[in-house]
Amino acid sequence: MCEEVFEMICSMDRRKVELQLVLQCAPTIAGLKTSNLLIVPRDLEDKVRFVLRHSGLLGYRLVYDRKRVIFLVFNRNMLVNYLSSKEVRKFLAGYGYRTDAFGYCLRFFQERYDSFVHNRKDFPHEMGVFLGYPLHDVKGFIEHGGDDFELSGYWKVYSDVKHAQELFERFDIVKDDMVRMISRGDSIKSIVSNYQADEANVAV
């Protein structure tokens, strides 16, 4: 994060839902990542739902934790496609998931995560795939207990480090850009539309 953007954030209302969305979910808003966690004070839950309405992104409440609420903010098509891949379905089946229904998978993950948050045991390691992390990195994290990684950024990387580093740099760039947009009054819906338009222009 550059100094200019840091100073912008310091001068902004940190309870502003739009600001928290870009700080915590910029890669997903930009279409570069399947999903992100969003953690905000519980009294902002309805505001999150309002801000995400018509944005093309979904906010699925995972759990209330003390005075906070934790959402999974995701692009539905991207997440459905990722969870539908043969390798990911096999991985999830190993944790007891019935992988033929997206809604069931999401609900089962929510139950397992809620149980972890309130009991502080049996961490749901499959969280990584629900956050769109590469499966080899999710498996690497499990096999190494979170140690021996080759790169640590938005997640811990165990292979294809160059690609991950490039992604992390892009994530940082879009986050800075989105903070600037929020500071001038842009909505989350308009920011999503702006990035979709940029992708369409690139495709042409």
C-alpha atoms as a PDB file:
ATOM      1  CA  MET A   1       0.000   0.000   0.000  1.00  0.00           C
ATOM      2  CA  CYS A   2       1.456   3.331  -1.043  1.00  0.00           C
ATOM      3  CA  GLU A   3       1.727   6.270   1.358  1.00  0.00           C
ATOM      4  CA  GLU A   4      -0.896   8.265  -0.548  1.00  0.00           C
ATOM      5  CA  VAL A   5      -3.510   5.519  -0.107  1.00  0.00           C
ATOM      6  CA  PHE A   6      -2.554   4.948   3.515  1.00  0.00           C
ATOM      7  CA  GLU A   7      -3.159   8.638   4.244  1.00  0.00           C
ATOM      8  CA  MET A   8      -6.524   8.433   2.467  1.00  0.00           C
ATOM      9  CA  ILE A   9      -7.579   5.527   4.660  1.00  0.00           C
ATOM     10  CA  CYS A  10      -6.507   7.360   7.816  1.00  0.00           C
ATOM     11  CA  SER A  11      -8.754  10.275   6.876  1.00  0.00           C
ATOM     12  CA  MET A  12     -11.790   8.093   6.071  1.00  0.00           C
ATOM     13  CA  ASP A  13     -14.472   6.594   8.301  1.00  0.00           C
ATOM     14  CA  ARG A  14     -13.251   3.059   9.045  1.00  0.00           C
ATOM     15  CA  ARG A  15     -16.849   1.984   9.737  1.00  0.00           C
ATOM     16  CA  LYS A  16     -17.782   2.812   6.166  1.00  0.00           C
ATOM     17  CA  VAL A  17     -18.875  -0.529   4.690  1.00  0.00           C
ATOM     18  CA  GLU A  18     -17.682   0.367   1.201  1.00  0.00           C
ATOM     19  CA  LEU A  19     -14.189   1.037   2.537  1.00  0.00           C
ATOM     20  CA  GLN A  20     -14.076  -2.256   4.451  1.00  0.00           C
ATOM     21  CA  LEU A  21     -15.262  -4.110   1.370  1.00  0.00           C
ATOM     22  CA  VAL A  22     -12.405  -2.814  -0.773  1.00  0.00           C
ATOM     23  CA  LEU A  23      -9.832  -3.289   1.992  1.00  0.00           C
ATOM     24  CA  GLN A  24     -10.869  -6.896   2.627  1.00  0.00           C
ATOM     25  CA  CYS A  25     -12.372  -8.006  -0.694  1.00  0.00           C
ATOM     26  CA  ALA A  26     -10.720  -5.986  -3.496  1.00  0.00           C
ATOM     27  CA  PRO A  27      -9.466  -9.048  -5.443  1.00  0.00           C
ATOM     28  CA  THR A  28     -12.986 -10.498  -5.518  1.00  0.00           C
ATOM     29  CA  ILE A  29     -14.571  -7.169  -6.453  1.00  0.00           C
ATOM     30  CA  ALA A  30     -12.084  -6.915  -9.327  1.00  0.00           C
ATOM     31  CA  GLY A  31     -12.907 -10.424 -10.569  1.00  0.00           C
ATOM     32  CA  LEU A  32      -9.372 -11.642  -9.888  1.00  0.00           C
ATOM     33  CA  LYS A  33     -10.332 -13.976  -7.050  1.00  0.00           C
ATOM     34  CA  THR A  34     -13.295 -16.212  -6.291  1.00  0.00           C
ATOM     35  CA  SER A  35     -14.075 -14.952  -2.800  1.00  0.00           C
ATOM     36  CA  ASN A  36     -12.871 -13.203   0.350  1.00  0.00           C
ATOM     37  CA  LEU A  37     -13.860 -13.067   3.973  1.00  0.00           C
ATOM     38  CA  LEU A  38     -15.410  -9.814   5.172  1.00  0.00           C
ATOM     39  CA  ILE A  39     -15.379  -9.110   8.914  1.00  0.00           C
ATOM     40  CA  VAL A  40     -17.335  -6.119  10.193  1.00  0.00           C
ATOM     41  CA  PRO A  41     -19.146  -5.050  13.388  1.00  0.00           C
ATOM     42  CA  ARG A  42     -22.424  -6.932  13.778  1.00  0.00           C
ATOM     43  CA  ASP A  43     -24.501  -3.751  13.572  1.00  0.00           C
ATOM     44  CA  LEU A  44     -23.298  -3.253   9.984  1.00  0.00           C
ATOM     45  CA  GLU A  45     -24.724  -6.547   8.707  1.00  0.00           C
ATOM     46  CA  ASP A  46     -27.762  -4.996   7.017  1.00  0.00           C
ATOM     47  CA  LYS A  47     -25.593  -2.277   5.501  1.00  0.00           C
ATOM     48  CA  VAL A  48     -23.330  -4.917   3.946  1.00  0.00           C
ATOM     49  CA  ARG A  49     -26.332  -6.590   2.333  1.00  0.00           C
ATOM     50  CA  PHE A  50     -27.583  -3.235   1.047  1.00  0.00           C
ATOM     51  CA  VAL A  51     -24.202  -2.257  -0.422  1.00  0.00           C
ATOM     52  CA  LEU A  52     -23.764  -5.625  -2.162  1.00  0.00           C
ATOM     53  CA  ARG A  53     -27.280  -5.543  -3.641  1.00  0.00           C
ATOM     54  CA  HIS A  54     -27.142  -5.395  -7.462  1.00  0.00           C
ATOM     55  CA  SER A  55     -23.328  -5.490  -7.376  1.00  0.00           C
ATOM     56  CA  GLY A  56     -23.113  -8.978  -8.868  1.00  0.00           C
ATOM     57  CA  LEU A  57     -21.451 -10.268  -5.700  1.00  0.00           C
ATOM     58  CA  LEU A  58     -23.056 -12.272  -2.905  1.00  0.00           C
ATOM     59  CA  GLY A  59     -22.520 -12.005   0.823  1.00  0.00           C
ATOM     60  CA  TYR A  60     -23.164 -15.217   2.753  1.00  0.00           C
ATOM     61  CA  ARG A  61     -23.121 -14.869   6.530  1.00  0.00           C
ATOM     62  CA  LEU A  62     -20.862 -17.500   8.029  1.00  0.00           C
ATOM     63  CA  VAL A  63     -20.941 -16.697  11.724  1.00  0.00           C
ATOM     64  CA  TYR A  64     -21.431 -14.168  14.473  1.00  0.00           C
ATOM     65  CA  ASP A  65     -18.206 -13.914  16.467  1.00  0.00           C
ATOM     66  CA  ARG A  66     -18.490 -11.788  19.594  1.00  0.00           C
ATOM     67  CA  LYS A  67     -19.570  -8.369  18.295  1.00  0.00           C
ATOM     68  CA  ARG A  68     -18.590  -9.121  14.718  1.00  0.00           C
ATOM     69  CA  VAL A  69     -20.210 -10.799  11.750  1.00  0.00           C
ATOM     70  CA  ILE A  70     -18.139 -12.737   9.212  1.00  0.00           C
ATOM     71  CA  PHE A  71     -19.306 -12.967   5.604  1.00  0.00           C
ATOM     72  CA  LEU A  72     -18.081 -14.953   2.646  1.00  0.00           C
ATOM     73  CA  VAL A  73     -18.226 -12.433  -0.200  1.00  0.00           C
ATOM     74  CA  PHE A  74     -18.070 -14.261  -3.512  1.00  0.00           C
ATOM     75  CA  ASN A  75     -18.679 -14.363  -7.231  1.00  0.00           C
ATOM     76  CA  ARG A  76     -21.210 -17.170  -7.556  1.00  0.00           C
ATOM     77  CA  ASN A  77     -20.220 -18.414 -11.011  1.00  0.00           C
ATOM     78  CA  MET A  78     -16.528 -18.469 -10.162  1.00  0.00           C
ATOM     79  CA  LEU A  79     -17.079 -20.309  -6.880  1.00  0.00           C
ATOM     80  CA  VAL A  80     -19.507 -22.840  -8.368  1.00  0.00           C
ATOM     81  CA  ASN A  81     -17.072 -23.592 -11.196  1.00  0.00           C
ATOM     82  CA  TYR A  82     -14.140 -24.023  -8.825  1.00  0.00           C
ATOM     83  CA  LEU A  83     -15.992 -26.273  -6.410  1.00  0.00           C
ATOM     84  CA  SER A  84     -17.254 -28.329  -9.352  1.00  0.00           C
ATOM     85  CA  SER A  85     -13.797 -29.308 -10.559  1.00  0.00           C
ATOM     86  CA  LYS A  86     -13.013 -33.000 -10.189  1.00  0.00           C
ATOM     87  CA  GLU A  87     -10.017 -32.488  -7.914  1.00  0.00           C
ATOM     88  CA  VAL A  88     -11.813 -30.091  -5.569  1.00  0.00           C
ATOM     89  CA  ARG A  89     -14.891 -32.323  -5.361  1.00  0.00           C
ATOM     90  CA  LYS A  90     -12.690 -35.257  -4.385  1.00  0.00           C
ATOM     91  CA  PHE A  91     -10.950 -33.109  -1.780  1.00  0.00           C
ATOM     92  CA  LEU A  92     -14.231 -31.915  -0.248  1.00  0.00           C
ATOM     93  CA  ALA A  93     -15.685 -35.424  -0.222  1.00  0.00           C
ATOM     94  CA  GLY A  94     -12.824 -36.358   2.096  1.00  0.00           C
ATOM     95  CA  TYR A  95     -14.284 -33.946   4.653  1.00  0.00           C
ATOM     96  CA  GLY A  96     -17.789 -35.356   4.367  1.00  0.00           C
ATOM     97  CA  TYR A  97     -19.205 -32.986   1.772  1.00  0.00           C
ATOM     98  CA  ARG A  98     -21.907 -34.038  -0.641  1.00  0.00           C
ATOM     99  CA  THR A  99     -20.514 -32.306  -3.696  1.00  0.00           C
ATOM    100  CA  ASP A 100     -23.482 -32.478  -6.054  1.00  0.00           C
ATOM    101  CA  ALA A 101     -25.211 -29.359  -4.670  1.00  0.00           C
ATOM    102  CA  PHE A 102     -23.584 -25.951  -4.297  1.00  0.00           C
ATOM    103  CA  GLY A 103     -26.071 -24.739  -1.678  1.00  0.00           C
ATOM    104  CA  TYR A 104     -25.450 -27.815   0.459  1.00  0.00           C
ATOM    105  CA  CYS A 105     -21.674 -27.367   0.233  1.00  0.00           C
ATOM    106  CA  LEU A 106     -21.946 -23.744   1.310  1.00  0.00           C
ATOM    107  CA  ARG A 107     -24.241 -24.583   4.206  1.00  0.00           C
ATOM    108  CA  PHE A 108     -22.067 -27.482   5.384  1.00  0.00           C
ATOM    109  CA  PHE A 109     -18.988 -25.256   5.305  1.00  0.00           C
ATOM    110  CA  GLN A 110     -20.885 -22.599   7.266  1.00  0.00           C
ATOM    111  CA  GLU A 111     -21.793 -25.161   9.932  1.00  0.00           C
ATOM    112  CA  ARG A 112     -18.216 -26.408  10.218  1.00  0.00           C
ATOM    113  CA  TYR A 113     -16.797 -22.881  10.396  1.00  0.00           C
ATOM    114  CA  ASP A 114     -19.394 -21.798  12.951  1.00  0.00           C
ATOM    115  CA  SER A 115     -18.484 -24.824  15.076  1.00  0.00           C
ATOM    116  CA  PHE A 116     -14.799 -23.921  14.908  1.00  0.00           C
ATOM    117  CA  VAL A 117     -15.372 -20.272  15.828  1.00  0.00           C
ATOM    118  CA  HIS A 118     -17.407 -21.173  18.886  1.00  0.00           C
ATOM    119  CA  ASN A 119     -15.478 -24.266  20.020  1.00  0.00           C
ATOM    120  CA  ARG A 120     -11.963 -23.334  18.812  1.00  0.00           C
ATOM    121  CA  LYS A 121     -11.184 -26.854  17.619  1.00  0.00           C
ATOM    122  CA  ASP A 122     -11.363 -28.848  14.378  1.00  0.00           C
ATOM    123  CA  PHE A 123     -10.397 -26.021  12.028  1.00  0.00           C
ATOM    124  CA  PRO A 124     -12.130 -26.490   8.645  1.00  0.00           C
ATOM    125  CA  HIS A 125      -9.063 -26.631   6.402  1.00  0.00           C
ATOM    126  CA  GLU A 126     -11.300 -26.785   3.352  1.00  0.00           C
ATOM    127  CA  MET A 127     -11.881 -23.075   3.924  1.00  0.00           C
ATOM    128  CA  GLY A 128      -9.039 -22.520   1.476  1.00  0.00           C
ATOM    129  CA  VAL A 129     -11.031 -23.825  -1.472  1.00  0.00           C
ATOM    130  CA  PHE A 130     -14.071 -21.749  -0.497  1.00  0.00           C
ATOM    131  CA  LEU A 131     -11.724 -18.763  -0.631  1.00  0.00           C
ATOM    132  CA  GLY A 132     -10.529 -19.829  -4.081  1.00  0.00           C
ATOM    133  CA  TYR A 133      -6.965 -20.692  -3.088  1.00  0.00           C
ATOM    134  CA  PRO A 134      -5.155 -23.079  -5.454  1.00  0.00           C
ATOM    135  CA  LEU A 135      -5.800 -26.636  -4.311  1.00  0.00           C
ATOM    136  CA  HIS A 136      -2.080 -27.478  -4.217  1.00  0.00           C
ATOM    137  CA  ASP A 137      -1.556 -24.633  -1.740  1.00  0.00           C
ATOM    138  CA  VAL A 138      -4.492 -25.738   0.413  1.00  0.00           C
ATOM    139  CA  LYS A 139      -3.098 -29.266   0.520  1.00  0.00           C
ATOM    140  CA  GLY A 140       0.401 -27.947   1.151  1.00  0.00           C
ATOM    141  CA  PHE A 141      -0.815 -25.921   4.121  1.00  0.00           C
ATOM    142  CA  ILE A 142      -2.496 -29.004   5.599  1.00  0.00           C
ATOM    143  CA  GLU A 143       0.459 -31.332   4.974  1.00  0.00           C
ATOM    144  CA  HIS A 144       3.018 -28.898   6.423  1.00  0.00           C
ATOM    145  CA  GLY A 145       0.859 -27.526   9.231  1.00  0.00           C
ATOM    146  CA  GLY A 146       1.186 -24.035   7.821  1.00  0.00           C
ATOM    147  CA  ASP A 147       5.012 -24.199   7.849  1.00  0.00           C
ATOM    148  CA  ASP A 148       7.668 -24.599   5.136  1.00  0.00           C
ATOM    149  CA  PHE A 149       5.830 -22.353   2.660  1.00  0.00           C
ATOM    150  CA  GLU A 150       7.712 -20.710  -0.190  1.00  0.00           C
ATOM    151  CA  LEU A 151       5.781 -17.432  -0.092  1.00  0.00           C
ATOM    152  CA  SER A 152       3.301 -15.850   2.306  1.00  0.00           C
ATOM    153  CA  GLY A 153       0.889 -13.178   1.141  1.00  0.00           C
ATOM    154  CA  TYR A 154      -2.848 -13.404   0.646  1.00  0.00           C
ATOM    155  CA  TRP A 155      -2.353 -17.106   1.426  1.00  0.00           C
ATOM    156  CA  LYS A 156       0.617 -19.397   2.010  1.00  0.00           C
ATOM    157  CA  VAL A 157       2.116 -20.637  -1.244  1.00  0.00           C
ATOM    158  CA  TYR A 158       3.721 -24.049  -1.686  1.00  0.00           C
ATOM    159  CA  SER A 159       4.228 -24.127  -5.465  1.00  0.00           C
ATOM    160  CA  ASP A 160       4.023 -21.888  -8.545  1.00  0.00           C
ATOM    161  CA  VAL A 161       5.510 -19.040  -6.552  1.00  0.00           C
ATOM    162  CA  LYS A 162       6.060 -16.732  -9.527  1.00  0.00           C
ATOM    163  CA  HIS A 163       2.399 -16.828 -10.518  1.00  0.00           C
ATOM    164  CA  ALA A 164       1.278 -16.269  -6.924  1.00  0.00           C
ATOM    165  CA  GLN A 165       3.645 -13.301  -6.514  1.00  0.00           C
ATOM    166  CA  GLU A 166       2.263 -11.711  -9.680  1.00  0.00           C
ATOM    167  CA  LEU A 167      -1.290 -12.237  -8.424  1.00  0.00           C
ATOM    168  CA  PHE A 168      -0.519 -10.731  -5.023  1.00  0.00           C
ATOM    169  CA  GLU A 169       0.960  -7.660  -6.694  1.00  0.00           C
ATOM    170  CA  ARG A 170      -2.176  -7.267  -8.827  1.00  0.00           C
ATOM    171  CA  PHE A 171      -4.325  -7.629  -5.710  1.00  0.00           C
ATOM    172  CA  ASP A 172      -2.401  -4.812  -4.022  1.00  0.00           C
ATOM    173  CA  ILE A 173      -2.762  -2.565  -7.070  1.00  0.00           C
ATOM    174  CA  VAL A 174      -6.526  -3.009  -7.370  1.00  0.00           C
ATOM    175  CA  LYS A 175      -6.938  -2.439  -3.620  1.00  0.00           C
ATOM    176  CA  ASP A 176      -5.120   0.905  -3.852  1.00  0.00           C
ATOM    177  CA  ASP A 177      -7.142   1.875  -6.928  1.00  0.00           C
ATOM    178  CA  MET A 178     -10.424   1.007  -5.217  1.00  0.00           C
ATOM    179  CA  VAL A 179      -9.578   3.018  -2.101  1.00  0.00           C
ATOM    180  CA  ARG A 180      -9.102   6.011  -4.392  1.00  0.00           C
ATOM    181  CA  MET A 181     -12.486   5.313  -6.007  1.00  0.00           C
ATOM    182  CA  ILE A 182     -14.229   5.052  -2.647  1.00  0.00           C
ATOM    183  CA  SER A 183     -12.576   8.277  -1.495  1.00  0.00           C
ATOM    184  CA  ARG A 184     -14.178  10.123  -4.416  1.00  0.00           C
ATOM    185  CA  GLY A 185     -17.588   8.636  -3.707  1.00  0.00           C
ATOM    186  CA  ASP A 186     -17.858   5.689  -6.109  1.00  0.00           C
ATOM    187  CA  SER A 187     -20.215   2.855  -5.103  1.00  0.00           C
ATOM    188  CA  ILE A 188     -19.269  -0.815  -4.951  1.00  0.00           C
ATOM    189  CA  LYS A 189     -21.690  -1.461  -7.813  1.00  0.00           C
ATOM    190  CA  SER A 190     -19.973   1.127 -10.002  1.00  0.00           C
ATOM    191  CA  ILE A 191     -16.525  -0.211  -9.094  1.00  0.00           C
ATOM    192  CA  VAL A 192     -17.555  -3.763 -10.062  1.00  0.00           C
ATOM    193  CA  SER A 193     -18.994  -2.439 -13.338  1.00  0.00           C
ATOM    194  CA  ASN A 194     -15.802  -0.513 -14.027  1.00  0.00           C
ATOM    195  CA  TYR A 195     -13.640  -3.618 -13.668  1.00  0.00           C
ATOM    196  CA  GLN A 196     -16.029  -5.712 -15.759  1.00  0.00           C
ATOM    197  CA  ALA A 197     -15.810  -3.096 -18.511  1.00  0.00           C
ATOM    198  CA  ASP A 198     -12.009  -3.165 -18.350  1.00  0.00           C
ATOM    199  CA  GLU A 199     -12.042  -6.977 -18.723  1.00  0.00           C
ATOM    200  CA  ALA A 200     -14.368  -6.728 -21.714  1.00  0.00           C
ATOM    201  CA  ASN A 201     -12.071  -4.203 -23.388  1.00  0.00           C
ATOM    202  CA  VAL A 202      -9.062  -6.459 -22.806  1.00  0.00           C
ATOM    203  CA  ALA A 203     -10.965  -9.423 -24.262  1.00  0.00           C
ATOM    204  CA  VAL A 204     -11.757  -7.428 -27.417  1.00  0.00           C
END
